[in-house]
């Protein structure tokens, strides 16, 4: 399995607006995966989102919704699938 891309639906968001993160993955076989996203605002402690997905073989896009606290831009997000497949983005 490999990450094809990891990105937010837009580069910036208004206060109070939910954020959609997209995870494009390619897998040679179907199965279950454990996905963690660490979202951090500047130097604060990260928020950890954990999700389980059943995937199929081929390329597919997973969506993760997150409602940030009332803070302006300056977020980074790090994706971890299993223990060694990683990607990062910012918004």
N, C-alpha and C. Protein backbone atom coordinates (compact mmCIF):
# COMPACT_ATOMS: atom_id res chain seq x y z
N UNK A 1 0.84 -1.17 0.00
CA UNK A 1 0.00 0.00 0.00
C UNK A 1 0.90 1.24 0.00
N UNK A 2 0.41 2.29 -0.67
CA UNK A 2 1.14 3.56 -0.67
C UNK A 2 0.15 4.72 -0.68
N UNK A 3 0.60 5.85 -0.16
CA UNK A 3 -0.20 7.07 -0.19
C UNK A 3 0.08 7.76 -1.51
N UNK A 4 -0.96 8.03 -2.28
CA UNK A 4 -0.84 8.75 -3.54
C UNK A 4 -0.82 10.25 -3.25
N UNK A 5 -1.71 10.72 -2.35
CA UNK A 5 -1.77 12.13 -2.00
C UNK A 5 -2.53 12.30 -0.68
N UNK A 6 -2.26 13.40 -0.01
CA UNK A 6 -2.92 13.77 1.26
C UNK A 6 -3.06 15.28 1.24
N UNK A 7 -4.31 15.79 1.27
CA UNK A 7 -4.52 17.22 1.09
C UNK A 7 -5.87 17.67 1.65
N UNK A 8 -5.98 18.96 2.02
CA UNK A 8 -7.27 19.52 2.44
C UNK A 8 -8.10 19.89 1.22
N UNK A 9 -9.40 20.02 1.40
CA UNK A 9 -10.28 20.37 0.29
C UNK A 9 -10.00 21.78 -0.24
N UNK A 10 -9.49 22.65 0.62
CA UNK A 10 -9.10 24.01 0.22
C UNK A 10 -7.86 24.40 1.01
N UNK A 11 -7.20 25.46 0.58
CA UNK A 11 -5.99 25.92 1.25
C UNK A 11 -6.26 26.74 2.49
N UNK A 12 -7.46 27.32 2.60
CA UNK A 12 -7.82 28.11 3.78
C UNK A 12 -9.30 27.95 4.07
N UNK A 13 -9.66 28.18 5.32
CA UNK A 13 -11.03 27.99 5.78
C UNK A 13 -11.44 29.16 6.65
N UNK A 14 -12.74 29.43 6.69
CA UNK A 14 -13.28 30.48 7.57
C UNK A 14 -13.43 29.92 8.98
N UNK A 15 -13.43 30.81 9.96
CA UNK A 15 -13.65 30.38 11.34
C UNK A 15 -14.99 29.68 11.46
N UNK A 16 -15.02 28.57 12.17
CA UNK A 16 -16.25 27.81 12.37
C UNK A 16 -16.58 26.84 11.25
N UNK A 17 -15.81 26.84 10.19
CA UNK A 17 -16.06 25.97 9.05
C UNK A 17 -15.34 24.63 9.24
N UNK A 18 -16.02 23.53 8.92
CA UNK A 18 -15.36 22.22 9.04
C UNK A 18 -14.37 22.04 7.88
N UNK A 19 -13.41 21.18 8.12
CA UNK A 19 -12.33 20.93 7.17
C UNK A 19 -12.43 19.49 6.71
N UNK A 20 -12.30 19.29 5.41
CA UNK A 20 -12.26 17.94 4.84
C UNK A 20 -10.84 17.65 4.38
N UNK A 21 -10.29 16.57 4.88
CA UNK A 21 -8.97 16.10 4.45
C UNK A 21 -9.18 14.87 3.58
N UNK A 22 -8.46 14.81 2.46
CA UNK A 22 -8.56 13.68 1.54
C UNK A 22 -7.28 12.86 1.61
N UNK A 23 -7.46 11.55 1.65
CA UNK A 23 -6.34 10.60 1.65
C UNK A 23 -6.52 9.70 0.43
N UNK A 24 -5.66 9.87 -0.55
CA UNK A 24 -5.68 9.00 -1.72
C UNK A 24 -4.66 7.90 -1.51
N UNK A 25 -5.14 6.65 -1.57
CA UNK A 25 -4.22 5.53 -1.35
C UNK A 25 -4.35 4.52 -2.49
N UNK A 26 -3.30 3.78 -2.68
CA UNK A 26 -3.29 2.69 -3.66
C UNK A 26 -2.91 1.42 -2.93
N UNK A 27 -3.71 0.39 -3.14
CA UNK A 27 -3.46 -0.88 -2.46
C UNK A 27 -3.55 -2.02 -3.48
N UNK A 28 -2.70 -2.99 -3.33
CA UNK A 28 -2.72 -4.14 -4.24
C UNK A 28 -3.72 -5.21 -3.80
N UNK A 29 -4.23 -5.09 -2.57
CA UNK A 29 -5.20 -6.07 -2.08
C UNK A 29 -6.16 -5.41 -1.10
N UNK A 30 -7.39 -5.93 -1.00
CA UNK A 30 -8.34 -5.37 -0.04
C UNK A 30 -7.97 -5.72 1.39
N UNK A 31 -8.50 -4.95 2.34
CA UNK A 31 -8.23 -5.22 3.74
C UNK A 31 -8.65 -4.05 4.62
N UNK A 32 -8.33 -4.14 5.88
CA UNK A 32 -8.63 -3.09 6.85
C UNK A 32 -7.36 -2.31 7.15
N UNK A 33 -7.52 -0.98 7.29
CA UNK A 33 -6.38 -0.15 7.67
C UNK A 33 -6.76 0.72 8.86
N UNK A 34 -5.75 1.07 9.62
CA UNK A 34 -5.88 1.97 10.75
C UNK A 34 -5.18 3.27 10.36
N UNK A 35 -5.90 4.36 10.41
CA UNK A 35 -5.38 5.65 9.95
C UNK A 35 -5.38 6.63 11.13
N UNK A 36 -4.28 7.34 11.32
CA UNK A 36 -4.19 8.38 12.34
C UNK A 36 -3.77 9.68 11.65
N UNK A 37 -4.43 10.77 12.04
CA UNK A 37 -4.06 12.10 11.56
C UNK A 37 -3.78 12.97 12.78
N UNK A 38 -2.58 13.52 12.81
CA UNK A 38 -2.16 14.41 13.89
C UNK A 38 -2.27 15.85 13.36
N UNK A 39 -3.19 16.62 13.92
CA UNK A 39 -3.41 18.00 13.47
C UNK A 39 -2.90 18.93 14.56
N UNK A 40 -2.02 19.85 14.16
CA UNK A 40 -1.38 20.74 15.12
C UNK A 40 -1.51 22.18 14.68
N UNK A 41 -1.88 23.06 15.61
CA UNK A 41 -1.93 24.50 15.36
C UNK A 41 -0.69 25.14 15.96
N UNK A 42 0.18 25.65 15.11
CA UNK A 42 1.44 26.28 15.51
C UNK A 42 2.19 25.37 16.47
N UNK A 43 2.47 25.82 17.70
CA UNK A 43 3.27 25.02 18.63
C UNK A 43 2.41 24.31 19.68
N UNK A 44 1.08 24.26 19.48
CA UNK A 44 0.19 23.61 20.46
C UNK A 44 0.29 22.09 20.36
N UNK A 45 -0.27 21.41 21.35
CA UNK A 45 -0.33 19.96 21.33
C UNK A 45 -1.24 19.50 20.18
N UNK A 46 -0.88 18.44 19.49
CA UNK A 46 -1.71 17.99 18.36
C UNK A 46 -3.01 17.33 18.80
N UNK A 47 -4.01 17.44 17.94
CA UNK A 47 -5.26 16.69 18.06
C UNK A 47 -5.05 15.42 17.23
N UNK A 48 -5.46 14.28 17.75
CA UNK A 48 -5.26 13.03 17.04
C UNK A 48 -6.62 12.47 16.63
N UNK A 49 -6.79 12.29 15.31
CA UNK A 49 -7.99 11.67 14.76
C UNK A 49 -7.64 10.24 14.38
N UNK A 50 -8.45 9.29 14.81
CA UNK A 50 -8.19 7.88 14.50
C UNK A 50 -9.41 7.30 13.80
N UNK A 51 -9.18 6.60 12.69
CA UNK A 51 -10.25 6.01 11.90
C UNK A 51 -9.83 4.63 11.41
N UNK A 52 -10.80 3.75 11.25
CA UNK A 52 -10.61 2.44 10.66
C UNK A 52 -11.37 2.44 9.32
N UNK A 53 -10.76 1.89 8.29
CA UNK A 53 -11.40 1.82 6.98
C UNK A 53 -11.21 0.42 6.41
N UNK A 54 -12.22 0.00 5.66
CA UNK A 54 -12.09 -1.21 4.87
C UNK A 54 -11.83 -0.73 3.45
N UNK A 55 -10.68 -1.13 2.90
CA UNK A 55 -10.30 -0.65 1.58
C UNK A 55 -10.38 -1.77 0.56
N UNK A 56 -10.44 -1.38 -0.70
CA UNK A 56 -10.43 -2.34 -1.80
C UNK A 56 -9.11 -2.22 -2.53
N UNK A 57 -8.84 -3.09 -3.45
CA UNK A 57 -7.61 -2.98 -4.22
C UNK A 57 -7.76 -1.87 -5.26
N UNK A 58 -6.64 -1.25 -5.63
CA UNK A 58 -6.65 -0.14 -6.57
C UNK A 58 -6.48 1.19 -5.85
N UNK A 59 -6.77 2.27 -6.57
CA UNK A 59 -6.66 3.62 -6.00
C UNK A 59 -8.03 4.07 -5.51
N UNK A 60 -8.06 4.66 -4.31
CA UNK A 60 -9.31 5.19 -3.76
C UNK A 60 -9.02 6.39 -2.89
N UNK A 61 -10.07 7.19 -2.67
CA UNK A 61 -9.94 8.41 -1.86
C UNK A 61 -10.81 8.29 -0.62
N UNK A 62 -10.19 8.45 0.54
CA UNK A 62 -10.89 8.46 1.82
C UNK A 62 -11.07 9.91 2.26
N UNK A 63 -12.17 10.21 2.93
CA UNK A 63 -12.42 11.56 3.44
C UNK A 63 -12.48 11.55 4.95
N UNK A 64 -11.87 12.56 5.56
CA UNK A 64 -11.91 12.73 7.01
C UNK A 64 -12.37 14.16 7.28
N UNK A 65 -13.46 14.30 8.04
CA UNK A 65 -13.99 15.62 8.41
C UNK A 65 -13.46 15.99 9.79
N UNK A 66 -13.15 17.27 9.97
CA UNK A 66 -12.69 17.75 11.27
C UNK A 66 -13.20 19.16 11.49
N UNK A 67 -13.69 19.42 12.69
CA UNK A 67 -14.16 20.75 13.08
C UNK A 67 -13.10 21.38 13.97
N UNK A 68 -12.35 22.35 13.43
CA UNK A 68 -11.28 22.96 14.25
C UNK A 68 -11.85 23.89 15.31
N UNK A 69 -11.07 24.15 16.35
CA UNK A 69 -11.47 25.16 17.32
C UNK A 69 -11.46 26.54 16.65
N UNK A 70 -11.96 27.51 17.32
CA UNK A 70 -12.06 28.86 16.76
C UNK A 70 -10.69 29.53 16.71
N UNK A 71 -9.86 29.10 15.78
CA UNK A 71 -8.53 29.69 15.60
C UNK A 71 -8.29 29.90 14.12
N UNK A 72 -7.44 30.85 13.82
CA UNK A 72 -7.14 31.14 12.42
C UNK A 72 -6.22 30.09 11.82
N UNK A 73 -5.77 30.31 10.61
CA UNK A 73 -4.92 29.37 9.87
C UNK A 73 -3.63 29.09 10.62
N UNK A 74 -2.86 28.17 10.09
CA UNK A 74 -1.59 27.81 10.70
C UNK A 74 -1.57 26.39 11.19
N UNK A 75 -2.35 25.50 10.55
CA UNK A 75 -2.43 24.10 10.95
C UNK A 75 -1.53 23.24 10.07
N UNK A 76 -0.93 22.24 10.69
CA UNK A 76 -0.24 21.20 9.94
C UNK A 76 -0.94 19.88 10.26
N UNK A 77 -0.88 18.96 9.31
CA UNK A 77 -1.49 17.64 9.52
C UNK A 77 -0.52 16.58 9.05
N UNK A 78 -0.34 15.57 9.88
CA UNK A 78 0.53 14.46 9.55
C UNK A 78 -0.30 13.19 9.56
N UNK A 79 -0.23 12.44 8.49
CA UNK A 79 -0.98 11.20 8.32
C UNK A 79 -0.08 10.02 8.60
N UNK A 80 -0.60 9.06 9.34
CA UNK A 80 0.13 7.82 9.62
C UNK A 80 -0.82 6.65 9.37
N UNK A 81 -0.40 5.75 8.49
CA UNK A 81 -1.14 4.52 8.23
C UNK A 81 -0.26 3.37 8.70
N UNK A 82 -0.78 2.60 9.65
CA UNK A 82 0.04 1.54 10.24
C UNK A 82 1.17 2.19 11.03
N UNK A 83 2.35 1.65 10.90
CA UNK A 83 3.47 2.20 11.68
C UNK A 83 4.52 2.91 10.81
N UNK A 84 4.39 2.83 9.47
CA UNK A 84 5.47 3.38 8.68
C UNK A 84 5.09 4.12 7.40
N UNK A 85 3.82 4.24 7.08
CA UNK A 85 3.40 4.95 5.87
C UNK A 85 2.93 6.34 6.29
N UNK A 86 3.64 7.39 5.86
CA UNK A 86 3.39 8.74 6.34
C UNK A 86 3.27 9.75 5.20
N UNK A 87 2.55 10.85 5.49
CA UNK A 87 2.45 12.00 4.58
C UNK A 87 2.10 13.22 5.44
N UNK A 88 2.27 14.42 4.89
CA UNK A 88 1.97 15.64 5.64
C UNK A 88 1.38 16.69 4.70
N UNK A 89 0.60 17.62 5.28
CA UNK A 89 0.03 18.74 4.55
C UNK A 89 -0.17 19.89 5.54
N UNK A 90 -0.60 21.03 5.02
CA UNK A 90 -0.86 22.19 5.89
C UNK A 90 -2.05 22.98 5.33
N UNK A 91 -2.68 23.74 6.21
CA UNK A 91 -3.80 24.60 5.81
C UNK A 91 -3.95 25.72 6.79
